[in-house]
Amino acid sequence: MADMTPTSAGEGKLQGKTAVVTGAARGLGRVIAETLAALGAELVSIDLDASNETVAMIEDAGGRASSHSADLTDEAQVNHVFDEITRQHKSIDILVNNAGFYSVERRPFWEIDSGEWEKVMRVNVRPVFLCSRAASIPMRSRKSGRIINILSSVITFGMPNLMHYVAAKSAVAGMTRSMARELGPFGISVNAVAPGLVPTDAALESVGREILEEAVQGQAIQQPLDPRDIAGAVAFLCSPESAMVSGQTLLVNGGATFSGI
């Protein structure tokens, strides 16, 4: 498990930066938000419901944070909330596209109805497009910025009975590379982090504890992943040390890619 306290990671590395994290009300998104705030970033959370608890936790730790509520699949709401953030903070330096939908029922693809397929694609792909497009406006104006998309290691081996989820995350992997090419001339890097199975509430609900335990056994490093491991990778991609890294997907799965778990 990565130790991402400010002293170990370099206190203040993100001082003066405004970081927007979607889906920060709970789970992995909250840990990412807390990590970036601990490194000095002013954190802005966007979620379907206002993430007041996340904001309170960051402020209690001495950080700065605010929250906005928006349906990130709604174009008008996304444009409005990013306009508000830009007015309030003057810039957006970092965008972490974390919001997504994982709690899907595992089934063969021929049993997936079109409604479920559309929902998984809409909630996992559309927000990345809308939020990245909106955030790129102030980033392109300032000719700097970082966009990090949260994927899943399932894109590397095609986990059975989750084809809709695999397809959605694979789409975002392709978007990451295309955005990196298009935004590079503006000094903006675009990367992705693809976690293995992290024992969050959403993962437990979707795949169950038995599958999570099997995943650990299939890893080269046979220890459960912790949300802080993923947050540490995100922090690296936001840091000065990764200034020339773009268009990449960083796998954080304990070596599970080798086994296909």
Protein backbone atom coordinates (compact mmCIF):
# COMPACT_ATOMS: atom_id res chain seq x y z
CA MET A 1 0.00 0.00 0.00
CA ALA A 2 1.42 3.35 -1.01
CA ASP A 3 2.05 5.88 1.76
CA MET A 4 0.75 9.12 0.29
CA THR A 5 0.99 11.37 3.31
CA PRO A 6 2.18 14.86 2.39
CA THR A 7 5.61 14.34 3.94
CA SER A 8 6.29 11.12 2.03
CA ALA A 9 4.99 12.36 -1.31
CA GLY A 10 6.41 15.86 -1.20
CA GLU A 11 4.33 18.34 0.76
CA GLY A 12 3.01 21.16 -1.35
CA LYS A 13 3.80 19.67 -4.76
CA LEU A 14 0.35 20.74 -5.94
CA GLN A 15 0.25 24.01 -4.03
CA GLY A 16 -1.64 26.67 -5.97
CA LYS A 17 -3.30 24.13 -8.25
CA THR A 18 -7.05 23.64 -8.60
CA ALA A 19 -7.96 19.97 -8.92
CA VAL A 20 -11.42 18.81 -9.98
CA VAL A 21 -12.33 15.22 -9.07
CA THR A 22 -15.59 13.70 -10.26
CA GLY A 23 -17.30 11.05 -8.18
CA ALA A 24 -15.48 12.17 -5.02
CA ALA A 25 -18.37 11.70 -2.60
CA ARG A 26 -17.25 8.22 -1.60
CA GLY A 27 -14.94 5.29 -2.30
CA LEU A 28 -11.93 5.67 -4.55
CA GLY A 29 -12.88 9.19 -5.61
CA ARG A 30 -12.85 10.41 -2.02
CA VAL A 31 -9.39 8.94 -1.41
CA ILE A 32 -8.06 10.55 -4.60
CA ALA A 33 -9.54 13.89 -3.52
CA GLU A 34 -8.01 13.66 -0.04
CA THR A 35 -4.62 12.73 -1.49
CA LEU A 36 -4.49 15.66 -3.93
CA ALA A 37 -5.66 18.05 -1.22
CA ALA A 38 -2.95 16.76 1.13
CA LEU A 39 -0.40 17.69 -1.53
CA GLY A 40 -1.64 21.28 -1.55
CA ALA A 41 -4.26 21.33 -4.30
CA GLU A 42 -7.49 23.22 -3.81
CA LEU A 43 -9.97 20.41 -4.31
CA VAL A 44 -13.26 20.74 -6.16
CA SER A 45 -15.58 17.75 -6.01
CA ILE A 46 -18.36 17.11 -8.51
CA ASP A 47 -20.88 14.37 -7.84
CA LEU A 48 -24.54 13.61 -8.38
CA ASP A 49 -25.02 14.47 -4.71
CA ALA A 50 -23.02 17.19 -2.99
CA SER A 51 -19.97 15.58 -1.37
CA ASN A 52 -20.08 17.60 1.83
CA GLU A 53 -18.52 14.81 3.89
CA THR A 54 -15.49 14.68 1.61
CA VAL A 55 -15.14 18.46 1.84
CA ALA A 56 -15.40 18.33 5.64
CA MET A 57 -12.73 15.64 5.88
CA ILE A 58 -10.34 17.66 3.71
CA GLU A 59 -10.97 20.87 5.63
CA ASP A 60 -10.55 19.09 8.98
CA ALA A 61 -7.11 17.99 7.76
CA GLY A 62 -6.20 21.59 6.95
CA GLY A 63 -6.93 21.50 3.23
CA ARG A 64 -9.21 23.56 1.00
CA ALA A 65 -12.20 22.05 -0.76
CA SER A 66 -15.62 22.75 -2.20
CA SER A 67 -18.29 20.63 -3.81
CA HIS A 68 -20.78 20.91 -6.65
CA SER A 69 -23.66 18.64 -7.55
CA ALA A 70 -24.38 17.76 -11.17
CA ASP A 71 -25.57 14.92 -13.36
CA LEU A 72 -22.39 14.37 -15.35
CA THR A 73 -24.28 12.74 -18.21
CA ASP A 74 -26.22 15.99 -18.76
CA GLU A 75 -24.41 18.35 -21.14
CA ALA A 76 -26.07 21.53 -19.86
CA GLN A 77 -25.34 20.70 -16.22
CA VAL A 78 -21.71 19.83 -16.96
CA ASN A 79 -21.12 23.05 -18.89
CA HIS A 80 -22.77 25.09 -16.14
CA VAL A 81 -20.78 23.56 -13.28
CA PHE A 82 -17.45 23.97 -15.10
CA ASP A 83 -18.32 27.58 -15.89
CA GLU A 84 -18.98 28.10 -12.18
CA ILE A 85 -15.71 26.45 -11.17
CA THR A 86 -13.74 28.53 -13.66
CA ARG A 87 -15.34 31.74 -12.40
CA GLN A 88 -14.65 30.86 -8.77
CA HIS A 89 -11.11 29.54 -9.16
CA LYS A 90 -9.89 31.36 -12.29
CA SER A 91 -8.32 28.14 -13.58
CA ILE A 92 -8.62 24.37 -13.66
CA ASP A 93 -5.21 22.74 -13.47
CA ILE A 94 -6.18 19.10 -12.91
CA LEU A 95 -9.20 17.03 -13.86
CA VAL A 96 -9.63 13.49 -12.57
CA ASN A 97 -12.46 11.69 -14.38
CA ASN A 98 -13.31 9.16 -11.70
CA ALA A 99 -17.13 9.08 -11.77
CA GLY A 100 -18.51 5.88 -13.22
CA PHE A 101 -20.85 2.95 -12.76
CA TYR A 102 -19.41 -0.41 -11.65
CA SER A 103 -22.34 -2.11 -9.92
CA VAL A 104 -23.49 -4.21 -12.85
CA GLU A 105 -24.76 -7.76 -12.77
CA ARG A 106 -22.32 -10.25 -14.26
CA ARG A 107 -23.87 -12.14 -17.18
CA PRO A 108 -22.94 -13.43 -20.67
CA PHE A 109 -23.11 -10.68 -23.26
CA TRP A 110 -26.02 -12.36 -25.06
CA GLU A 111 -28.12 -11.88 -21.91
CA ILE A 112 -27.39 -8.13 -21.64
CA ASP A 113 -30.40 -6.12 -22.76
CA SER A 114 -29.93 -2.92 -24.72
CA GLY A 115 -31.15 -0.76 -21.84
CA GLU A 116 -28.45 -2.04 -19.50
CA TRP A 117 -25.83 -1.71 -22.25
CA GLU A 118 -26.80 1.91 -22.92
CA LYS A 119 -26.77 2.76 -19.21
CA VAL A 120 -23.27 1.38 -18.63
CA MET A 121 -21.90 3.14 -21.71
CA ARG A 122 -23.67 6.41 -20.92
CA VAL A 123 -22.52 6.62 -17.30
CA ASN A 124 -18.93 5.50 -17.90
CA VAL A 125 -18.10 7.17 -21.22
CA ARG A 126 -20.22 10.29 -21.68
CA PRO A 127 -19.05 12.10 -18.49
CA VAL A 128 -15.40 11.71 -19.53
CA PHE A 129 -16.15 13.37 -22.87
CA LEU A 130 -18.30 16.17 -21.43
CA CYS A 131 -16.05 16.98 -18.46
CA SER A 132 -12.82 16.82 -20.45
CA ARG A 133 -14.26 19.05 -23.14
CA ALA A 134 -15.41 21.61 -20.57
CA ALA A 135 -12.19 21.54 -18.54
CA SER A 136 -10.08 21.87 -21.67
CA ILE A 137 -11.43 25.39 -22.29
CA PRO A 138 -9.54 27.08 -19.41
CA MET A 139 -6.65 24.62 -19.78
CA ARG A 140 -6.16 25.47 -23.45
CA SER A 141 -6.37 29.16 -22.63
CA ARG A 142 -3.56 28.82 -20.07
CA LYS A 143 -1.68 26.25 -22.18
CA SER A 144 -1.27 23.83 -19.29
CA GLY A 145 -3.24 21.15 -17.50
CA ARG A 146 -3.49 17.52 -16.50
CA ILE A 147 -6.37 15.15 -17.23
CA ILE A 148 -6.38 11.71 -15.61
CA ASN A 149 -9.04 9.14 -16.48
CA ILE A 150 -9.79 6.23 -14.15
CA LEU A 151 -10.16 2.98 -16.09
CA SER A 152 -9.97 -0.66 -14.99
CA SER A 153 -7.44 -3.42 -15.56
CA VAL A 154 -10.21 -5.46 -17.20
CA ILE A 155 -9.39 -3.60 -20.43
CA THR A 156 -6.21 -5.69 -20.74
CA PHE A 157 -7.76 -9.16 -20.60
CA GLY A 158 -11.48 -8.83 -21.24
CA MET A 159 -13.10 -10.13 -18.05
CA PRO A 160 -15.94 -12.52 -18.94
CA ASN A 161 -19.55 -11.63 -18.14
CA LEU A 162 -18.75 -7.92 -17.92
CA MET A 163 -18.53 -7.06 -21.59
CA HIS A 164 -20.51 -3.83 -21.28
CA TYR A 165 -18.22 -2.55 -18.53
CA VAL A 166 -15.07 -3.72 -20.36
CA ALA A 167 -16.28 -2.01 -23.54
CA ALA A 168 -16.98 1.26 -21.72
CA LYS A 169 -13.59 1.40 -20.03
CA SER A 170 -11.85 0.40 -23.26
CA ALA A 171 -13.59 3.30 -24.99
CA VAL A 172 -12.17 5.69 -22.40
CA ALA A 173 -8.70 4.18 -22.93
CA GLY A 174 -8.95 5.11 -26.60
CA MET A 175 -10.26 8.56 -25.74
CA THR A 176 -7.26 9.06 -23.46
CA ARG A 177 -4.82 8.50 -26.31
CA SER A 178 -6.76 10.69 -28.75
CA MET A 179 -7.12 13.54 -26.26
CA ALA A 180 -3.41 13.33 -25.48
CA ARG A 181 -2.61 13.88 -29.16
CA GLU A 182 -5.09 16.74 -29.58
CA LEU A 183 -4.30 18.55 -26.33
CA GLY A 184 -0.53 18.04 -26.34
CA PRO A 185 0.14 21.16 -28.45
CA PHE A 186 -1.58 23.17 -25.69
CA GLY A 187 0.77 21.83 -23.01
CA ILE A 188 -1.92 19.53 -21.58
CA SER A 189 -1.14 15.92 -20.70
CA VAL A 190 -3.81 13.22 -20.67
CA ASN A 191 -3.22 9.87 -18.99
CA ALA A 192 -5.17 7.08 -17.36
CA VAL A 193 -4.87 4.84 -14.31
CA ALA A 194 -6.27 1.32 -14.60
CA PRO A 195 -6.74 -0.25 -11.15
CA GLY A 196 -7.18 -3.91 -10.42
CA LEU A 197 -10.01 -5.02 -8.18
CA VAL A 198 -10.05 -2.72 -5.17
CA PRO A 199 -12.29 -3.89 -2.28
CA THR A 200 -14.57 -0.87 -2.29
CA ASP A 201 -18.27 -1.13 -1.45
CA ALA A 202 -19.13 -0.91 -5.16
CA ALA A 203 -16.77 -3.77 -6.05
CA LEU A 204 -18.08 -5.96 -3.24
CA GLU A 205 -21.63 -5.33 -4.41
CA SER A 206 -20.81 -6.13 -8.03
CA VAL A 207 -18.44 -9.11 -7.92
CA GLY A 208 -18.55 -10.32 -4.32
CA ARG A 209 -15.83 -11.04 -1.77
CA GLU A 210 -14.94 -14.43 -3.26
CA ILE A 211 -13.97 -12.91 -6.62
CA LEU A 212 -11.96 -10.21 -4.85
CA GLU A 213 -10.05 -12.85 -2.91
CA GLU A 214 -9.41 -14.80 -6.11
CA ALA A 215 -8.07 -11.62 -7.70
CA VAL A 216 -5.48 -11.24 -4.94
CA GLN A 217 -4.32 -14.82 -5.51
CA GLY A 218 -3.89 -14.02 -9.20
CA GLN A 219 -1.65 -11.03 -8.55
CA ALA A 220 2.14 -11.18 -8.68
CA ILE A 221 2.11 -9.18 -5.42
CA GLN A 222 -0.46 -11.09 -3.38
CA GLN A 223 -1.76 -8.31 -1.20
CA PRO A 224 -5.16 -6.62 -1.47
CA LEU A 225 -5.12 -3.34 -3.33
CA ASP A 226 -5.91 -0.24 -1.31
CA PRO A 227 -7.54 2.90 -2.73
CA ARG A 228 -4.41 4.79 -1.66
CA ASP A 229 -2.38 2.73 -4.14
CA ILE A 230 -4.48 4.13 -6.97
CA ALA A 231 -4.51 7.63 -5.48
CA GLY A 232 -0.71 7.53 -5.38
CA ALA A 233 -0.56 6.80 -9.11
CA VAL A 234 -2.96 9.67 -9.80
CA ALA A 235 -0.84 11.99 -7.66
CA PHE A 236 2.25 11.04 -9.69
CA LEU A 237 0.47 11.89 -12.94
CA CYS A 238 -0.45 15.29 -11.46
CA SER A 239 3.08 16.00 -10.24
CA PRO A 240 5.97 17.87 -11.88
CA GLU A 241 7.84 14.56 -12.20
CA SER A 242 5.38 13.35 -14.85
CA ALA A 243 5.47 16.50 -16.98
CA MET A 244 6.50 14.60 -20.12
CA VAL A 245 4.19 11.60 -19.62
CA SER A 246 1.09 11.66 -21.83
CA GLY A 247 -1.18 9.21 -23.60
CA GLN A 248 -0.29 6.44 -21.16
CA THR A 249 -2.34 4.00 -19.10
CA LEU A 250 -0.72 3.12 -15.79
CA LEU A 251 -1.78 -0.31 -14.54
CA VAL A 252 -2.04 -0.54 -10.75
CA ASN A 253 -3.06 -4.12 -10.08
CA GLY A 254 -0.26 -5.90 -8.26
CA GLY A 255 0.81 -7.64 -11.47
CA ALA A 256 -2.61 -9.21 -12.09
CA THR A 257 -2.34 -8.54 -15.83
CA PHE A 258 0.00 -11.49 -16.14
CA SER A 259 -2.66 -13.91 -14.94
CA GLY A 260 -5.80 -12.42 -16.45
CA ILE A 261 -7.63 -12.18 -13.14
